[in-house]
């Protein structure tokens, strides 16, 4: 799953994606902890995450959306 996501992120962003293993407070925790489902969080560029004045670079939205869709399709084996 990670290799597929990295490949699609690189194709869309034109550079290697930065990866991090971290604890967080996110909805994905319910899937991972309670459901035992592996998760990856991929999102747009921005700043001040979960803080005052959080912002999103709207130009990054189409790129990350395409990477997510391509990753899901690849994992489902539809392309």
PDB file of N, CA and C in Angstrom:
ATOM      1  N   UNK A   1       0.834  -1.189   0.000  1.00  0.00           N
ATOM      2  CA  UNK A   1       0.000   0.000   0.000  1.00  0.00           C
ATOM      3  C   UNK A   1       0.876   1.250   0.000  1.00  0.00           C
ATOM      4  N   UNK A   2       1.919   1.259   0.819  1.00  0.00           N
ATOM      5  CA  UNK A   2       2.798   2.427   0.906  1.00  0.00           C
ATOM      6  C   UNK A   2       3.543   2.637  -0.410  1.00  0.00           C
ATOM      7  N   UNK A   3       4.033   1.557  -1.007  1.00  0.00           N
ATOM      8  CA  UNK A   3       4.760   1.671  -2.284  1.00  0.00           C
ATOM      9  C   UNK A   3       3.848   2.232  -3.369  1.00  0.00           C
ATOM     10  N   UNK A   4       2.617   1.786  -3.410  1.00  0.00           N
ATOM     11  CA  UNK A   4       1.654   2.272  -4.401  1.00  0.00           C
ATOM     12  C   UNK A   4       1.366   3.750  -4.184  1.00  0.00           C
ATOM     13  N   UNK A   5       1.136   4.139  -2.939  1.00  0.00           N
ATOM     14  CA  UNK A   5       0.864   5.545  -2.627  1.00  0.00           C
ATOM     15  C   UNK A   5       2.073   6.412  -2.980  1.00  0.00           C
ATOM     16  N   UNK A   6       3.273   5.960  -2.626  1.00  0.00           N
ATOM     17  CA  UNK A   6       4.485   6.744  -2.923  1.00  0.00           C
ATOM     18  C   UNK A   6       4.660   6.944  -4.424  1.00  0.00           C
ATOM     19  N   UNK A   7       4.432   5.878  -5.192  1.00  0.00           N
ATOM     20  CA  UNK A   7       4.573   5.971  -6.647  1.00  0.00           C
ATOM     21  C   UNK A   7       3.601   7.012  -7.219  1.00  0.00           C
ATOM     22  N   UNK A   8       2.351   6.972  -6.769  1.00  0.00           N
ATOM     23  CA  UNK A   8       1.356   7.915  -7.287  1.00  0.00           C
ATOM     24  C   UNK A   8       1.592   9.333  -6.796  1.00  0.00           C
ATOM     25  N   UNK A   9       2.041   9.486  -5.579  1.00  0.00           N
ATOM     26  CA  UNK A   9       2.391  10.817  -5.086  1.00  0.00           C
ATOM     27  C   UNK A   9       3.542  11.404  -5.883  1.00  0.00           C
ATOM     28  N   UNK A  10       4.570  10.602  -6.159  1.00  0.00           N
ATOM     29  CA  UNK A  10       5.712  11.099  -6.931  1.00  0.00           C
ATOM     30  C   UNK A  10       5.276  11.501  -8.337  1.00  0.00           C
ATOM     31  N   UNK A  11       4.408  10.697  -8.945  1.00  0.00           N
ATOM     32  CA  UNK A  11       3.931  11.011 -10.295  1.00  0.00           C
ATOM     33  C   UNK A  11       3.175  12.334 -10.330  1.00  0.00           C
ATOM     34  N   UNK A  12       2.376  12.590  -9.311  1.00  0.00           N
ATOM     35  CA  UNK A  12       1.582  13.824  -9.282  1.00  0.00           C
ATOM     36  C   UNK A  12       2.364  15.036  -8.787  1.00  0.00           C
ATOM     37  N   UNK A  13       3.209  14.833  -7.782  1.00  0.00           N
ATOM     38  CA  UNK A  13       3.923  15.963  -7.183  1.00  0.00           C
ATOM     39  C   UNK A  13       5.240  16.269  -7.876  1.00  0.00           C
ATOM     40  N   UNK A  14       5.763  15.293  -8.633  1.00  0.00           N
ATOM     41  CA  UNK A  14       7.032  15.502  -9.326  1.00  0.00           C
ATOM     42  C   UNK A  14       8.233  15.381  -8.406  1.00  0.00           C
ATOM     43  N   UNK A  15       8.042  14.830  -7.221  1.00  0.00           N
ATOM     44  CA  UNK A  15       9.144  14.643  -6.271  1.00  0.00           C
ATOM     45  C   UNK A  15       8.740  13.579  -5.269  1.00  0.00           C
ATOM     46  N   UNK A  16       9.726  13.054  -4.566  1.00  0.00           N
ATOM     47  CA  UNK A  16       9.452  12.051  -3.545  1.00  0.00           C
ATOM     48  C   UNK A  16       8.618  12.672  -2.418  1.00  0.00           C
ATOM     49  N   UNK A  17       7.656  11.912  -1.947  1.00  0.00           N
ATOM     50  CA  UNK A  17       6.835  12.372  -0.831  1.00  0.00           C
ATOM     51  C   UNK A  17       7.577  12.125   0.473  1.00  0.00           C
ATOM     52  N   UNK A  18       7.407  13.021   1.415  1.00  0.00           N
ATOM     53  CA  UNK A  18       7.988  12.840   2.746  1.00  0.00           C
ATOM     54  C   UNK A  18       7.069  11.917   3.538  1.00  0.00           C
ATOM     55  N   UNK A  19       7.654  10.891   4.125  1.00  0.00           N
ATOM     56  CA  UNK A  19       6.879   9.946   4.914  1.00  0.00           C
ATOM     57  C   UNK A  19       7.211  10.118   6.387  1.00  0.00           C
ATOM     58  N   UNK A  20       6.229   9.881   7.223  1.00  0.00           N
ATOM     59  CA  UNK A  20       6.446   9.951   8.669  1.00  0.00           C
ATOM     60  C   UNK A  20       5.546   8.932   9.347  1.00  0.00           C
ATOM     61  N   UNK A  21       6.071   8.314  10.355  1.00  0.00           N
ATOM     62  CA  UNK A  21       5.285   7.434  11.193  1.00  0.00           C
ATOM     63  C   UNK A  21       5.033   8.202  12.475  1.00  0.00           C
ATOM     64  N   UNK A  22       3.774   8.473  12.753  1.00  0.00           N
ATOM     65  CA  UNK A  22       3.482   9.325  13.897  1.00  0.00           C
ATOM     66  C   UNK A  22       2.153   8.945  14.525  1.00  0.00           C
ATOM     67  N   UNK A  23       2.025   9.283  15.774  1.00  0.00           N
ATOM     68  CA  UNK A  23       0.747   9.150  16.455  1.00  0.00           C
ATOM     69  C   UNK A  23      -0.021  10.434  16.221  1.00  0.00           C
ATOM     70  N   UNK A  24      -1.306  10.285  16.030  1.00  0.00           N
ATOM     71  CA  UNK A  24      -2.102  11.480  15.806  1.00  0.00           C
ATOM     72  C   UNK A  24      -3.515  11.257  16.311  1.00  0.00           C
ATOM     73  N   UNK A  25      -4.252  12.318  16.340  1.00  0.00           N
ATOM     74  CA  UNK A  25      -5.664  12.241  16.672  1.00  0.00           C
ATOM     75  C   UNK A  25      -6.399  12.504  15.365  1.00  0.00           C
ATOM     76  N   UNK A  26      -6.795  11.408  14.725  1.00  0.00           N
ATOM     77  CA  UNK A  26      -7.462  11.524  13.432  1.00  0.00           C
ATOM     78  C   UNK A  26      -8.512  10.420  13.313  1.00  0.00           C
ATOM     79  N   UNK A  27      -9.434  10.597  12.391  1.00  0.00           N
ATOM     80  CA  UNK A  27     -10.476   9.588  12.179  1.00  0.00           C
ATOM     81  C   UNK A  27      -9.880   8.244  11.767  1.00  0.00           C
ATOM     82  N   UNK A  28      -8.711   8.264  11.155  1.00  0.00           N
ATOM     83  CA  UNK A  28      -8.081   7.011  10.737  1.00  0.00           C
ATOM     84  C   UNK A  28      -7.742   6.128  11.928  1.00  0.00           C
ATOM     85  N   UNK A  29      -7.619   6.709  13.105  1.00  0.00           N
ATOM     86  CA  UNK A  29      -7.348   5.912  14.299  1.00  0.00           C
ATOM     87  C   UNK A  29      -8.454   4.888  14.551  1.00  0.00           C
ATOM     88  N   UNK A  30      -9.690   5.254  14.273  1.00  0.00           N
ATOM     89  CA  UNK A  30     -10.798   4.324  14.481  1.00  0.00           C
ATOM     90  C   UNK A  30     -10.670   3.123  13.560  1.00  0.00           C
ATOM     91  N   UNK A  31     -10.278   3.369  12.307  1.00  0.00           N
ATOM     92  CA  UNK A  31     -10.083   2.268  11.366  1.00  0.00           C
ATOM     93  C   UNK A  31      -8.921   1.382  11.788  1.00  0.00           C
ATOM     94  N   UNK A  32      -7.816   1.996  12.162  1.00  0.00           N
ATOM     95  CA  UNK A  32      -6.611   1.246  12.502  1.00  0.00           C
ATOM     96  C   UNK A  32      -6.741   0.516  13.830  1.00  0.00           C
ATOM     97  N   UNK A  33      -7.189   1.219  14.855  1.00  0.00           N
ATOM     98  CA  UNK A  33      -7.229   0.638  16.194  1.00  0.00           C
ATOM     99  C   UNK A  33      -8.420  -0.292  16.375  1.00  0.00           C
ATOM    100  N   UNK A  34      -9.605   0.177  16.062  1.00  0.00           N
ATOM    101  CA  UNK A  34     -10.808  -0.614  16.320  1.00  0.00           C
ATOM    102  C   UNK A  34     -11.102  -1.618  15.207  1.00  0.00           C
ATOM    103  N   UNK A  35     -10.712  -1.278  13.994  1.00  0.00           N
ATOM    104  CA  UNK A  35     -11.008  -2.166  12.875  1.00  0.00           C
ATOM    105  C   UNK A  35      -9.838  -3.003  12.411  1.00  0.00           C
ATOM    106  N   UNK A  36      -8.628  -2.677  12.883  1.00  0.00           N
ATOM    107  CA  UNK A  36      -7.453  -3.416  12.456  1.00  0.00           C
ATOM    108  C   UNK A  36      -7.109  -3.201  10.993  1.00  0.00           C
ATOM    109  N   UNK A  37      -7.505  -2.066  10.449  1.00  0.00           N
ATOM    110  CA  UNK A  37      -7.277  -1.751   9.038  1.00  0.00           C
ATOM    111  C   UNK A  37      -6.084  -0.812   8.921  1.00  0.00           C
ATOM    112  N   UNK A  38      -5.092  -1.200   8.122  1.00  0.00           N
ATOM    113  CA  UNK A  38      -3.940  -0.320   7.893  1.00  0.00           C
ATOM    114  C   UNK A  38      -4.405   0.960   7.212  1.00  0.00           C
ATOM    115  N   UNK A  39      -3.817   2.069   7.598  1.00  0.00           N
ATOM    116  CA  UNK A  39      -4.220   3.352   7.022  1.00  0.00           C
ATOM    117  C   UNK A  39      -3.009   4.181   6.623  1.00  0.00           C
ATOM    118  N   UNK A  40      -3.231   5.050   5.645  1.00  0.00           N
ATOM    119  CA  UNK A  40      -2.251   6.046   5.232  1.00  0.00           C
ATOM    120  C   UNK A  40      -3.003   7.371   5.178  1.00  0.00           C
ATOM    121  N   UNK A  41      -2.388   8.416   5.671  1.00  0.00           N
ATOM    122  CA  UNK A  41      -2.991   9.741   5.563  1.00  0.00           C
ATOM    123  C   UNK A  41      -2.240  10.505   4.479  1.00  0.00           C
ATOM    124  N   UNK A  42      -2.964  10.939   3.461  1.00  0.00           N
ATOM    125  CA  UNK A  42      -2.382  11.745   2.381  1.00  0.00           C
ATOM    126  C   UNK A  42      -3.255  12.984   2.251  1.00  0.00           C
ATOM    127  N   UNK A  43      -2.619  14.152   2.274  1.00  0.00           N
ATOM    128  CA  UNK A  43      -3.410  15.369   2.208  1.00  0.00           C
ATOM    129  C   UNK A  43      -2.684  16.476   1.480  1.00  0.00           C
ATOM    130  N   UNK A  44      -3.365  17.581   1.300  1.00  0.00           N
ATOM    131  CA  UNK A  44      -2.800  18.713   0.575  1.00  0.00           C
ATOM    132  C   UNK A  44      -1.709  19.410   1.368  1.00  0.00           C
ATOM    133  N   UNK A  45      -0.979  20.274   0.695  1.00  0.00           N
ATOM    134  CA  UNK A  45       0.025  21.113   1.353  1.00  0.00           C
ATOM    135  C   UNK A  45      -0.684  22.209   2.130  1.00  0.00           C
ATOM    136  N   UNK A  46      -0.007  22.687   3.135  1.00  0.00           N
ATOM    137  CA  UNK A  46      -0.575  23.765   3.933  1.00  0.00           C
ATOM    138  C   UNK A  46       0.285  24.029   5.142  1.00  0.00           C
ATOM    139  N   UNK A  47      -0.320  24.596   6.151  1.00  0.00           N
ATOM    140  CA  UNK A  47       0.446  24.912   7.346  1.00  0.00           C
ATOM    141  C   UNK A  47      -0.427  25.084   8.569  1.00  0.00           C
ATOM    142  N   UNK A  48       0.225  25.129   9.709  1.00  0.00           N
ATOM    143  CA  UNK A  48      -0.429  25.295  11.011  1.00  0.00           C
ATOM    144  C   UNK A  48      -1.484  24.219  11.270  1.00  0.00           C
ATOM    145  N   UNK A  49      -1.160  22.973  10.915  1.00  0.00           N
ATOM    146  CA  UNK A  49      -2.107  21.876  11.061  1.00  0.00           C
ATOM    147  C   UNK A  49      -2.602  21.769  12.494  1.00  0.00           C
ATOM    148  N   UNK A  50      -3.913  21.730  12.642  1.00  0.00           N
ATOM    149  CA  UNK A  50      -4.602  21.612  13.943  1.00  0.00           C
ATOM    150  C   UNK A  50      -4.248  22.750  14.889  1.00  0.00           C
ATOM    151  N   UNK A  51      -3.939  23.904  14.335  1.00  0.00           N
ATOM    152  CA  UNK A  51      -3.614  25.076  15.146  1.00  0.00           C
ATOM    153  C   UNK A  51      -4.401  26.276  14.625  1.00  0.00           C
ATOM    154  N   UNK A  52      -4.246  27.390  15.311  1.00  0.00           N
ATOM    155  CA  UNK A  52      -4.885  28.621  14.849  1.00  0.00           C
ATOM    156  C   UNK A  52      -4.350  28.979  13.472  1.00  0.00           C
ATOM    157  N   UNK A  53      -5.187  29.511  12.650  1.00  0.00           N
ATOM    158  CA  UNK A  53      -4.820  29.950  11.303  1.00  0.00           C
ATOM    159  C   UNK A  53      -4.351  28.812  10.419  1.00  0.00           C
ATOM    160  N   UNK A  54      -4.914  27.608  10.609  1.00  0.00           N
ATOM    161  CA  UNK A  54      -4.603  26.489   9.714  1.00  0.00           C
ATOM    162  C   UNK A  54      -5.003  26.880   8.298  1.00  0.00           C
ATOM    163  N   UNK A  55      -4.183  26.495   7.322  1.00  0.00           N
ATOM    164  CA  UNK A  55      -4.484  26.853   5.945  1.00  0.00           C
ATOM    165  C   UNK A  55      -4.102  25.723   4.996  1.00  0.00           C
ATOM    166  N   UNK A  56      -4.719  25.747   3.810  1.00  0.00           N
ATOM    167  CA  UNK A  56      -4.473  24.747   2.771  1.00  0.00           C
ATOM    168  C   UNK A  56      -4.094  25.468   1.486  1.00  0.00           C
ATOM    169  N   UNK A  57      -3.062  24.965   0.832  1.00  0.00           N
ATOM    170  CA  UNK A  57      -2.666  25.462  -0.482  1.00  0.00           C
ATOM    171  C   UNK A  57      -3.637  24.861  -1.497  1.00  0.00           C
ATOM    172  N   UNK A  58      -4.591  25.650  -1.960  1.00  0.00           N
ATOM    173  CA  UNK A  58      -5.641  25.125  -2.839  1.00  0.00           C
ATOM    174  C   UNK A  58      -5.097  24.584  -4.153  1.00  0.00           C
ATOM    175  N   UNK A  59      -3.935  25.045  -4.578  1.00  0.00           N
ATOM    176  CA  UNK A  59      -3.348  24.518  -5.811  1.00  0.00           C
ATOM    177  C   UNK A  59      -2.863  23.086  -5.643  1.00  0.00           C
ATOM    178  N   UNK A  60      -2.659  22.642  -4.392  1.00  0.00           N
ATOM    179  CA  UNK A  60      -2.218  21.272  -4.158  1.00  0.00           C
ATOM    180  C   UNK A  60      -3.392  20.280  -4.135  1.00  0.00           C
ATOM    181  N   UNK A  61      -4.618  20.767  -4.050  1.00  0.00           N
ATOM    182  CA  UNK A  61      -5.780  19.883  -3.947  1.00  0.00           C
ATOM    183  C   UNK A  61      -5.972  18.965  -5.157  1.00  0.00           C
ATOM    184  N   UNK A  62      -5.922  19.453  -6.402  1.00  0.00           N
ATOM    185  CA  UNK A  62      -6.095  18.534  -7.541  1.00  0.00           C
ATOM    186  C   UNK A  62      -5.004  17.456  -7.600  1.00  0.00           C
ATOM    187  N   UNK A  63      -3.774  17.815  -7.285  1.00  0.00           N
ATOM    188  CA  UNK A  63      -2.676  16.848  -7.338  1.00  0.00           C
ATOM    189  C   UNK A  63      -2.862  15.744  -6.311  1.00  0.00           C
ATOM    190  N   UNK A  64      -3.171  16.100  -5.079  1.00  0.00           N
ATOM    191  CA  UNK A  64      -3.328  15.091  -4.044  1.00  0.00           C
ATOM    192  C   UNK A  64      -4.577  14.263  -4.298  1.00  0.00           C
ATOM    193  N   UNK A  65      -5.614  14.881  -4.828  1.00  0.00           N
ATOM    194  CA  UNK A  65      -6.839  14.141  -5.155  1.00  0.00           C
ATOM    195  C   UNK A  65      -6.560  13.088  -6.210  1.00  0.00           C
ATOM    196  N   UNK A  66      -5.821  13.460  -7.258  1.00  0.00           N
ATOM    197  CA  UNK A  66      -5.475  12.481  -8.303  1.00  0.00           C
ATOM    198  C   UNK A  66      -4.618  11.351  -7.736  1.00  0.00           C
ATOM    199  N   UNK A  67      -3.668  11.681  -6.875  1.00  0.00           N
ATOM    200  CA  UNK A  67      -2.806  10.653  -6.278  1.00  0.00           C
ATOM    201  C   UNK A  67      -3.625   9.685  -5.423  1.00  0.00           C
ATOM    202  N   UNK A  68      -4.573  10.207  -4.668  1.00  0.00           N
ATOM    203  CA  UNK A  68      -5.416   9.348  -3.830  1.00  0.00           C
ATOM    204  C   UNK A  68      -6.286   8.446  -4.703  1.00  0.00           C
ATOM    205  N   UNK A  69      -6.929   9.019  -5.704  1.00  0.00           N
ATOM    206  CA  UNK A  69      -7.800   8.230  -6.587  1.00  0.00           C
ATOM    207  C   UNK A  69      -6.992   7.154  -7.311  1.00  0.00           C
ATOM    208  N   UNK A  70      -5.838   7.511  -7.843  1.00  0.00           N
ATOM    209  CA  UNK A  70      -5.005   6.524  -8.544  1.00  0.00           C
ATOM    210  C   UNK A  70      -4.541   5.426  -7.600  1.00  0.00           C
ATOM    211  N   UNK A  71      -4.234   5.776  -6.363  1.00  0.00           N
ATOM    212  CA  UNK A  71      -3.801   4.775  -5.380  1.00  0.00           C
ATOM    213  C   UNK A  71      -4.946   3.801  -5.080  1.00  0.00           C
ATOM    214  N   UNK A  72      -6.125   4.318  -4.862  1.00  0.00           N
ATOM    215  CA  UNK A  72      -7.273   3.453  -4.587  1.00  0.00           C
ATOM    216  C   UNK A  72      -7.539   2.538  -5.783  1.00  0.00           C
ATOM    217  N   UNK A  73      -7.521   3.098  -6.980  1.00  0.00           N
ATOM    218  CA  UNK A  73      -7.763   2.278  -8.179  1.00  0.00           C
ATOM    219  C   UNK A  73      -6.682   1.213  -8.354  1.00  0.00           C
ATOM    220  N   UNK A  74      -5.436   1.583  -8.126  1.00  0.00           N
ATOM    221  CA  UNK A  74      -4.345   0.601  -8.215  1.00  0.00           C
ATOM    222  C   UNK A  74      -4.536  -0.523  -7.202  1.00  0.00           C
ATOM    223  N   UNK A  75      -4.896  -0.174  -5.983  1.00  0.00           N
ATOM    224  CA  UNK A  75      -5.081  -1.184  -4.943  1.00  0.00           C
ATOM    225  C   UNK A  75      -6.279  -2.080  -5.228  1.00  0.00           C
ATOM    226  N   UNK A  76      -7.267  -1.536  -5.908  1.00  0.00           N
ATOM    227  CA  UNK A  76      -8.430  -2.346  -6.294  1.00  0.00           C
ATOM    228  C   UNK A  76      -8.166  -3.167  -7.556  1.00  0.00           C
ATOM    229  N   UNK A  77      -7.058  -2.859  -8.241  1.00  0.00           N
ATOM    230  CA  UNK A  77      -6.696  -3.598  -9.442  1.00  0.00           C
ATOM    231  C   UNK A  77      -7.525  -3.238 -10.658  1.00  0.00           C
ATOM    232  N   UNK A  78      -8.002  -1.978 -10.707  1.00  0.00           N
ATOM    233  CA  UNK A  78      -8.877  -1.585 -11.826  1.00  0.00           C
ATOM    234  C   UNK A  78      -8.134  -0.862 -12.941  1.00  0.00           C
ATOM    235  N   UNK A  79      -6.832  -0.577 -12.766  1.00  0.00           N
ATOM    236  CA  UNK A  79      -6.067   0.020 -13.861  1.00  0.00           C
ATOM    237  C   UNK A  79      -4.764  -0.720 -14.049  1.00  0.00           C
TER     238      UNK A  79
END
